[in-house]
């Protein structure tokens, strides 16, 4: 099967959906599929694509920019033609934002369009998304929460959605033996209680509440530390991102915890960081899935996560007790407090955490499910099965 996949910037610094796509494309290529990747902005993940034998197709633009409409429309048109020239059997976009581009490529190539749904639906849809979504043949949702939200709020036909939890390479995400060395690098003692956040430093990640919960924890656990690994990504400008980061630093200072918070910036060594921690934390108000939560479990480290969104599909069974209300720092602090000293009290908890991740979030399982979805779309042909009408135009309140 010839598959054309699309990712604006294949960079590990952007977040989980870019990491998920490269894993999935490499997995499909290993199964003998001819995968091509279209991209606009080069990123560090391009080498992984190329090392797997995946041809990369540079594009000029994949959306029409309101602030430079004529020039971006011309670049957009040329990019559509270039993508269609790959003569692919299936067109696969990594987010709903790119469905207009995918729709036009699909029309020219006479190939079905598959759209990943890795995010919950936004409160409103711009005109380009409203034009593109109806042309989707099949959707692949990263969680049941995502699928249900798109069905309820945006009129997606349940028959066109396949739920396939994201998966990870369990050989890469595994407990590492250099825990003490990483802690020394971070300036954290071997016996300190270390809380780890890995992800974008953006408003949606609700990091203010993380700082507040840690401040409550630190009153009872003097030898505790918080490490935040990530950088601002989704902001109006680079300066706006830096201003947000500065506001978080100021908030930490106001809470009296500035000497206990380590601001690590973007880091490539996520398994090492997670292995060095005692717990990872995800405070997002609306999270489609929360990949870092099962990355943490795979590294043998328990995780606490928000009850809002797909993270509840990760923390199941005995791990359900680590879910919390992301708007309530006291609730989160209590979940953190319950894990202080777990390595002595329950030394096999890390083993059970990894076993849970391996059983439910393997990359091989995700690639198999995606392969089925792509094959079904290819069999169906370029059908326009996406949502239409009033539900595309409706406006809903954004999470607060």
Protein backbone atom coordinates (compact mmCIF):
# COMPACT_ATOMS: atom_id res chain seq x y z
CA UNK A 1 0.00 0.00 0.00
CA UNK A 2 1.34 3.45 -0.95
CA UNK A 3 0.71 5.84 1.94
CA UNK A 4 1.24 9.60 1.90
CA UNK A 5 1.47 10.97 5.45
CA UNK A 6 1.58 14.64 6.39
CA UNK A 7 3.21 16.47 9.29
CA UNK A 8 3.88 20.22 9.25
CA UNK A 9 7.03 20.01 11.39
CA UNK A 10 8.36 16.52 12.20
CA UNK A 11 10.08 17.58 15.41
CA UNK A 12 10.37 15.81 18.76
CA UNK A 13 10.18 19.22 20.42
CA UNK A 14 6.60 19.84 19.34
CA UNK A 15 4.93 17.03 21.25
CA UNK A 16 3.35 13.61 21.30
CA UNK A 17 1.51 13.65 17.99
CA UNK A 18 4.71 14.15 16.00
CA UNK A 19 6.43 11.37 17.95
CA UNK A 20 3.45 9.09 17.44
CA UNK A 21 3.35 9.65 13.69
CA UNK A 22 7.02 8.86 13.12
CA UNK A 23 6.69 5.67 15.19
CA UNK A 24 3.63 4.62 13.21
CA UNK A 25 5.13 5.41 9.80
CA UNK A 26 8.33 3.54 10.63
CA UNK A 27 6.23 0.60 11.78
CA UNK A 28 4.17 0.61 8.57
CA UNK A 29 7.32 0.82 6.45
CA UNK A 30 8.77 -2.17 8.34
CA UNK A 31 5.67 -4.14 7.30
CA UNK A 32 6.41 -3.50 3.64
CA UNK A 33 4.23 -0.46 2.93
CA UNK A 34 5.58 2.33 0.71
CA UNK A 35 5.33 5.35 3.01
CA UNK A 36 6.03 8.95 1.97
CA UNK A 37 6.08 11.92 4.35
CA UNK A 38 5.13 15.42 3.31
CA UNK A 39 6.44 18.23 5.53
CA UNK A 40 6.87 22.01 5.53
CA UNK A 41 9.31 22.84 8.31
CA UNK A 42 12.28 20.48 8.81
CA UNK A 43 12.67 18.90 12.23
CA UNK A 44 14.92 16.44 13.98
CA UNK A 45 12.57 13.50 13.29
CA UNK A 46 13.27 13.63 9.54
CA UNK A 47 16.35 11.48 10.04
CA UNK A 48 14.28 8.75 11.65
CA UNK A 49 11.94 8.73 8.66
CA UNK A 50 14.82 8.58 6.18
CA UNK A 51 16.69 5.89 8.14
CA UNK A 52 13.58 3.71 7.80
CA UNK A 53 13.57 4.14 4.02
CA UNK A 54 10.67 6.62 4.03
CA UNK A 55 10.89 9.20 1.27
CA UNK A 56 10.42 12.76 2.54
CA UNK A 57 8.62 15.29 0.34
CA UNK A 58 9.30 18.97 1.14
CA UNK A 59 6.24 21.20 0.70
CA UNK A 60 5.92 24.98 0.68
CA UNK A 61 2.62 25.33 2.54
CA UNK A 62 -0.32 23.21 3.73
CA UNK A 63 -2.77 25.93 4.71
CA UNK A 64 -3.78 29.37 3.49
CA UNK A 65 -2.48 32.01 5.92
CA UNK A 66 -4.86 34.96 6.49
CA UNK A 67 -1.97 37.41 6.94
CA UNK A 68 -0.46 36.53 3.53
CA UNK A 69 -3.39 35.04 1.70
CA UNK A 70 -2.26 35.34 -1.94
CA UNK A 71 1.29 34.09 -1.51
CA UNK A 72 0.37 31.24 0.83
CA UNK A 73 -2.51 30.20 -1.49
CA UNK A 74 -0.05 29.91 -4.38
CA UNK A 75 2.38 27.87 -2.24
CA UNK A 76 -0.55 25.78 -1.01
CA UNK A 77 -1.63 24.97 -4.57
CA UNK A 78 1.87 23.94 -5.65
CA UNK A 79 2.20 21.75 -2.58
CA UNK A 80 -1.13 20.02 -3.31
CA UNK A 81 0.08 19.16 -6.81
CA UNK A 82 3.37 17.84 -5.50
CA UNK A 83 1.68 15.65 -2.90
CA UNK A 84 -0.83 14.31 -5.43
CA UNK A 85 2.05 13.39 -7.76
CA UNK A 86 3.18 10.71 -5.28
CA UNK A 87 0.25 8.62 -6.66
CA UNK A 88 -0.53 7.24 -3.22
CA UNK A 89 -3.30 4.78 -2.37
CA UNK A 90 -4.20 6.54 0.88
CA UNK A 91 -3.68 10.12 2.11
CA UNK A 92 -3.19 10.37 5.87
CA UNK A 93 -3.15 13.67 7.78
CA UNK A 94 -1.91 13.81 11.37
CA UNK A 95 -4.44 16.40 12.62
CA UNK A 96 -7.80 17.86 11.66
CA UNK A 97 -6.10 21.21 10.94
CA UNK A 98 -4.71 19.76 7.69
CA UNK A 99 -7.91 18.26 6.26
CA UNK A 100 -8.41 20.93 3.55
CA UNK A 101 -4.96 20.18 2.15
CA UNK A 102 -5.61 16.45 2.49
CA UNK A 103 -9.02 16.79 0.84
CA UNK A 104 -7.59 18.44 -2.28
CA UNK A 105 -4.75 15.93 -2.53
CA UNK A 106 -7.30 13.15 -2.09
CA UNK A 107 -9.47 14.58 -4.87
CA UNK A 108 -6.59 14.88 -7.34
CA UNK A 109 -5.06 11.51 -6.45
CA UNK A 110 -8.47 9.80 -6.34
CA UNK A 111 -7.43 8.30 -3.04
CA UNK A 112 -9.27 8.13 0.30
CA UNK A 113 -8.42 10.54 3.10
CA UNK A 114 -7.71 9.28 6.63
CA UNK A 115 -7.50 11.80 9.47
CA UNK A 116 -5.91 11.20 12.85
CA UNK A 117 -7.90 12.67 15.73
CA UNK A 118 -5.29 13.12 18.44
CA UNK A 119 -6.93 16.20 20.00
CA UNK A 120 -10.34 16.93 21.44
CA UNK A 121 -12.46 19.16 19.15
CA UNK A 122 -11.94 22.91 19.56
CA UNK A 123 -14.69 25.30 20.54
CA UNK A 124 -14.91 26.63 16.98
CA UNK A 125 -13.76 25.51 13.55
CA UNK A 126 -12.20 27.88 11.02
CA UNK A 127 -13.47 27.88 7.44
CA UNK A 128 -10.57 25.75 6.16
CA UNK A 129 -11.32 22.99 8.67
CA UNK A 130 -15.04 23.14 7.85
CA UNK A 131 -14.23 22.74 4.17
CA UNK A 132 -11.78 19.88 4.73
CA UNK A 133 -13.48 17.66 7.30
CA UNK A 134 -16.40 16.50 5.08
CA UNK A 135 -13.91 14.85 2.66
CA UNK A 136 -12.50 12.47 5.27
CA UNK A 137 -13.15 8.81 4.50
CA UNK A 138 -12.13 7.43 7.91
CA UNK A 139 -10.99 8.84 11.24
CA UNK A 140 -8.51 7.23 13.65
CA UNK A 141 -9.01 8.52 17.21
CA UNK A 142 -6.22 8.19 19.77
CA UNK A 143 -8.72 7.62 22.59
CA UNK A 144 -12.36 6.84 23.26
CA UNK A 145 -12.70 10.29 24.83
CA UNK A 146 -11.58 11.94 21.59
CA UNK A 147 -13.89 9.83 19.46
CA UNK A 148 -16.91 10.46 21.68
CA UNK A 149 -16.29 14.22 21.72
CA UNK A 150 -16.04 14.46 17.93
CA UNK A 151 -19.16 12.33 17.52
CA UNK A 152 -21.19 14.34 20.03
CA UNK A 153 -19.98 17.85 19.25
CA UNK A 154 -19.01 17.77 15.59
CA UNK A 155 -21.33 15.20 14.05
CA UNK A 156 -18.72 12.59 13.08
CA UNK A 157 -20.43 9.33 12.08
CA UNK A 158 -19.49 6.63 14.63
CA UNK A 159 -19.18 4.14 11.78
CA UNK A 160 -16.30 6.14 10.32
CA UNK A 161 -14.21 6.30 13.53
CA UNK A 162 -11.76 3.67 14.70
CA UNK A 163 -10.34 4.08 18.22
CA UNK A 164 -6.67 3.12 18.40
CA UNK A 165 -4.74 4.17 21.49
CA UNK A 166 -1.31 5.53 20.71
CA UNK A 167 1.54 3.17 21.47
CA UNK A 168 5.26 3.43 22.17
CA UNK A 169 8.40 1.40 21.61
CA UNK A 170 8.71 -0.51 24.87
CA UNK A 171 12.40 -1.19 24.30
CA UNK A 172 13.10 2.52 24.18
CA UNK A 173 10.74 3.47 27.01
CA UNK A 174 12.05 1.21 29.74
CA UNK A 175 13.60 1.71 33.19
CA UNK A 176 17.14 3.07 32.91
CA UNK A 177 20.00 2.17 35.21
CA UNK A 178 21.56 5.66 35.43
CA UNK A 179 18.92 7.08 37.79
CA UNK A 180 21.43 8.41 40.31
CA UNK A 181 23.58 10.01 37.62
CA UNK A 182 20.61 11.88 36.15
CA UNK A 183 19.63 13.06 39.62
CA UNK A 184 23.12 14.37 40.24
CA UNK A 185 22.95 16.28 36.96
CA UNK A 186 19.63 17.80 38.06
CA UNK A 187 20.98 18.66 41.48
CA UNK A 188 18.57 16.29 43.21
CA UNK A 189 19.74 13.96 45.98
CA UNK A 190 19.33 10.19 45.66
CA UNK A 191 16.69 10.03 48.42
CA UNK A 192 14.68 13.14 47.52
CA UNK A 193 11.11 12.79 46.24
CA UNK A 194 11.20 13.93 42.61
CA UNK A 195 8.08 14.92 40.64
CA UNK A 196 8.61 15.10 36.86
CA UNK A 197 6.64 16.95 34.18
CA UNK A 198 7.55 16.32 30.53
CA UNK A 199 5.68 18.17 27.80
CA UNK A 200 4.99 21.52 26.21
CA UNK A 201 5.17 24.63 28.37
CA UNK A 202 1.85 25.96 27.14
CA UNK A 203 -1.30 27.37 28.76
CA UNK A 204 -3.27 24.20 27.98
CA UNK A 205 -0.96 22.14 30.18
CA UNK A 206 -2.25 23.89 33.33
CA UNK A 207 1.22 24.18 34.86
CA UNK A 208 0.06 26.84 37.34
CA UNK A 209 -1.95 24.16 39.17
CA UNK A 210 1.04 21.79 39.04
CA UNK A 211 3.15 24.41 40.83
CA UNK A 212 0.41 24.99 43.38
CA UNK A 213 -0.02 21.26 44.07
CA UNK A 214 3.73 20.87 44.48
CA UNK A 215 3.81 23.81 46.88
CA UNK A 216 1.21 22.04 49.04
CA UNK A 217 3.19 18.79 48.89
CA UNK A 218 6.46 20.49 49.82
CA UNK A 219 5.00 21.68 53.14
CA UNK A 220 4.76 18.05 54.28
CA UNK A 221 7.68 16.61 52.29
CA UNK A 222 10.62 18.97 52.80
CA UNK A 223 12.98 16.87 50.67
CA UNK A 224 10.90 17.14 47.50
CA UNK A 225 11.73 18.56 44.07
CA UNK A 226 9.87 19.31 40.86
CA UNK A 227 11.47 19.11 37.40
CA UNK A 228 9.78 20.61 34.34
CA UNK A 229 11.14 19.42 30.99
CA UNK A 230 9.80 21.16 27.91
CA UNK A 231 9.59 24.46 26.10
CA UNK A 232 6.86 26.87 24.95
CA UNK A 233 5.36 25.75 21.63
CA UNK A 234 1.80 26.94 20.97
CA UNK A 235 2.03 30.70 21.50
CA UNK A 236 1.42 33.70 19.26
CA UNK A 237 5.16 34.34 19.06
CA UNK A 238 8.46 33.22 20.54
CA UNK A 239 8.40 36.25 22.84
CA UNK A 240 4.89 35.33 24.03
CA UNK A 241 6.13 31.85 24.86
CA UNK A 242 9.06 33.21 26.82
CA UNK A 243 6.74 35.59 28.64
CA UNK A 244 4.54 32.67 29.67
CA UNK A 245 7.57 30.75 30.92
CA UNK A 246 8.63 33.81 32.90
CA UNK A 247 5.16 34.04 34.43
CA UNK A 248 5.45 30.44 35.62
CA UNK A 249 8.83 31.18 37.19
CA UNK A 250 7.30 34.18 38.96
CA UNK A 251 4.41 32.03 40.16
CA UNK A 252 6.87 29.49 41.60
CA UNK A 253 8.69 32.32 43.39
CA UNK A 254 5.43 33.68 44.81
CA UNK A 255 4.63 30.20 46.14
CA UNK A 256 8.04 30.03 47.79
CA UNK A 257 9.22 26.98 45.85
CA UNK A 258 11.61 28.53 43.33
CA UNK A 259 14.62 26.76 44.87
CA UNK A 260 12.92 23.38 44.48
CA UNK A 261 11.83 23.68 40.84
CA UNK A 262 14.23 22.66 38.07
CA UNK A 263 13.45 24.22 34.67
CA UNK A 264 15.11 21.81 32.24
CA UNK A 265 14.02 23.15 28.86
CA UNK A 266 13.53 20.74 25.95
CA UNK A 267 15.26 17.42 26.56
CA UNK A 268 15.73 14.44 24.23
CA UNK A 269 16.40 11.96 27.07
CA UNK A 270 12.80 11.46 28.20
CA UNK A 271 13.19 7.81 29.36
CA UNK A 272 16.18 8.81 31.48
CA UNK A 273 14.32 11.73 33.04
CA UNK A 274 11.26 9.62 33.80
CA UNK A 275 13.39 6.80 35.24
CA UNK A 276 15.06 9.30 37.57
CA UNK A 277 11.70 10.47 38.94
CA UNK A 278 9.47 9.04 41.64
CA UNK A 279 6.27 10.13 39.88
CA UNK A 280 5.25 11.98 36.71
CA UNK A 281 2.37 14.45 36.62
CA UNK A 282 -0.05 15.57 33.91
CA UNK A 283 -2.36 18.47 34.85
CA UNK A 284 -3.96 19.29 31.48
CA UNK A 285 -7.55 20.52 31.68
CA UNK A 286 -8.50 18.80 28.41
CA UNK A 287 -6.17 16.03 27.23
CA UNK A 288 -6.88 13.80 24.25
CA UNK A 289 -4.85 10.94 25.67
CA UNK A 290 -1.69 11.94 27.52
CA UNK A 291 1.14 9.93 25.98
CA UNK A 292 3.66 10.87 28.68
CA UNK A 293 1.52 9.05 31.24
CA UNK A 294 2.09 5.64 29.69
CA UNK A 295 5.68 6.58 28.84
CA UNK A 296 6.18 7.03 32.57
CA UNK A 297 4.52 3.72 33.42
CA UNK A 298 6.67 1.97 30.81
CA UNK A 299 9.74 3.37 32.56
CA UNK A 300 8.56 1.82 35.82
CA UNK A 301 7.43 5.11 37.36
CA UNK A 302 3.85 5.72 38.57
CA UNK A 303 1.95 8.68 37.16
CA UNK A 304 -0.81 10.96 38.34
CA UNK A 305 -3.05 12.44 35.66
CA UNK A 306 -6.10 14.59 35.09
CA UNK A 307 -9.59 13.12 35.08
CA UNK A 308 -10.40 15.34 32.08
CA UNK A 309 -10.00 13.55 28.77
CA UNK A 310 -8.24 10.40 27.66
CA UNK A 311 -5.81 9.96 30.54
CA UNK A 312 -8.53 8.06 32.41
CA UNK A 313 -8.18 5.38 29.72
CA UNK A 314 -4.53 4.96 30.71
CA UNK A 315 -4.82 4.92 34.49
CA UNK A 316 -7.11 1.95 34.86
CA UNK A 317 -7.18 -0.96 37.28
CA UNK A 318 -5.03 -0.33 40.34
CA UNK A 319 -3.70 2.88 38.76
CA UNK A 320 -7.13 4.52 38.70
CA UNK A 321 -6.48 5.82 42.21
CA UNK A 322 -3.91 8.24 40.76
CA UNK A 323 -6.48 10.27 38.81
CA UNK A 324 -7.27 13.77 40.13
CA UNK A 325 -9.31 16.88 39.41
CA UNK A 326 -6.89 19.20 37.52
CA UNK A 327 -8.60 22.29 38.93
CA UNK A 328 -8.01 21.18 42.51
CA UNK A 329 -4.34 21.42 43.57
CA UNK A 330 -5.19 19.89 46.96
CA UNK A 331 -6.54 16.74 45.30
CA UNK A 332 -3.40 16.44 43.17
CA UNK A 333 -1.15 17.09 46.17
CA UNK A 334 -2.84 14.24 48.03
CA UNK A 335 -2.19 11.88 45.08
CA UNK A 336 1.47 12.92 45.08
CA UNK A 337 1.70 12.50 48.85
CA UNK A 338 0.35 8.94 48.58
CA UNK A 339 3.37 8.00 46.46
CA UNK A 340 6.06 9.33 48.76
CA UNK A 341 8.29 6.40 49.72
CA UNK A 342 6.61 3.92 47.38
CA UNK A 343 9.92 2.29 46.44
CA UNK A 344 10.30 1.09 50.07
CA UNK A 345 6.62 0.43 50.86
CA UNK A 346 5.70 -1.26 47.56
CA UNK A 347 8.92 -2.05 45.68
CA UNK A 348 7.11 -3.95 42.89
CA UNK A 349 4.84 -1.04 41.96
CA UNK A 350 7.27 -0.02 39.21
CA UNK A 351 7.17 -3.52 37.71
CA UNK A 352 3.38 -3.52 37.72
CA UNK A 353 3.33 -0.07 36.13
CA UNK A 354 5.52 -1.26 33.27
CA UNK A 355 3.49 -4.44 32.80
CA UNK A 356 0.33 -2.31 32.55
CA UNK A 357 1.89 -0.11 29.85
CA UNK A 358 3.24 -3.07 27.87
CA UNK A 359 -0.13 -4.81 27.92
CA UNK A 360 -2.14 -1.79 26.79
CA UNK A 361 0.02 0.69 24.88
CA UNK A 362 2.49 -1.16 22.68
CA UNK A 363 3.53 0.38 19.38
CA UNK A 364 2.99 -2.89 17.52
CA UNK A 365 -0.68 -2.95 18.54
CA UNK A 366 -1.17 0.66 17.39
CA UNK A 367 0.49 0.00 14.02
CA UNK A 368 -1.76 -3.04 13.50
CA UNK A 369 -4.88 -1.00 14.24
CA UNK A 370 -3.75 1.85 11.98
CA UNK A 371 -2.96 -0.60 9.20
CA UNK A 372 -6.51 -1.96 9.43
CA UNK A 373 -7.97 1.56 9.25
CA UNK A 374 -5.88 2.45 6.19
CA UNK A 375 -6.81 -0.78 4.44
CA UNK A 376 -10.50 -0.19 5.13
CA UNK A 377 -10.22 3.30 3.68
CA UNK A 378 -8.43 2.00 0.60
CA UNK A 379 -11.16 -0.59 0.08
CA UNK A 380 -13.88 2.06 0.48
CA UNK A 381 -12.20 4.42 -1.96
CA UNK A 382 -12.34 8.26 -1.80
CA UNK A 383 -15.71 8.50 -0.08
CA UNK A 384 -16.70 11.78 1.59
CA UNK A 385 -17.82 10.44 4.97
CA UNK A 386 -16.89 13.39 7.16
CA UNK A 387 -19.30 15.60 9.13
CA UNK A 388 -21.37 18.32 7.49
CA UNK A 389 -23.87 21.00 8.38
CA UNK A 390 -24.61 22.94 11.53
CA UNK A 391 -22.38 20.91 13.84
CA UNK A 392 -19.34 22.13 11.91
CA UNK A 393 -20.40 25.74 12.39
CA UNK A 394 -21.48 25.46 16.04
CA UNK A 395 -19.40 27.25 18.70
CA UNK A 396 -18.80 25.68 22.10
CA UNK A 397 -17.04 27.16 25.14
CA UNK A 398 -13.35 26.39 25.39
CA UNK A 399 -12.14 24.70 28.59
CA UNK A 400 -11.18 27.08 31.39
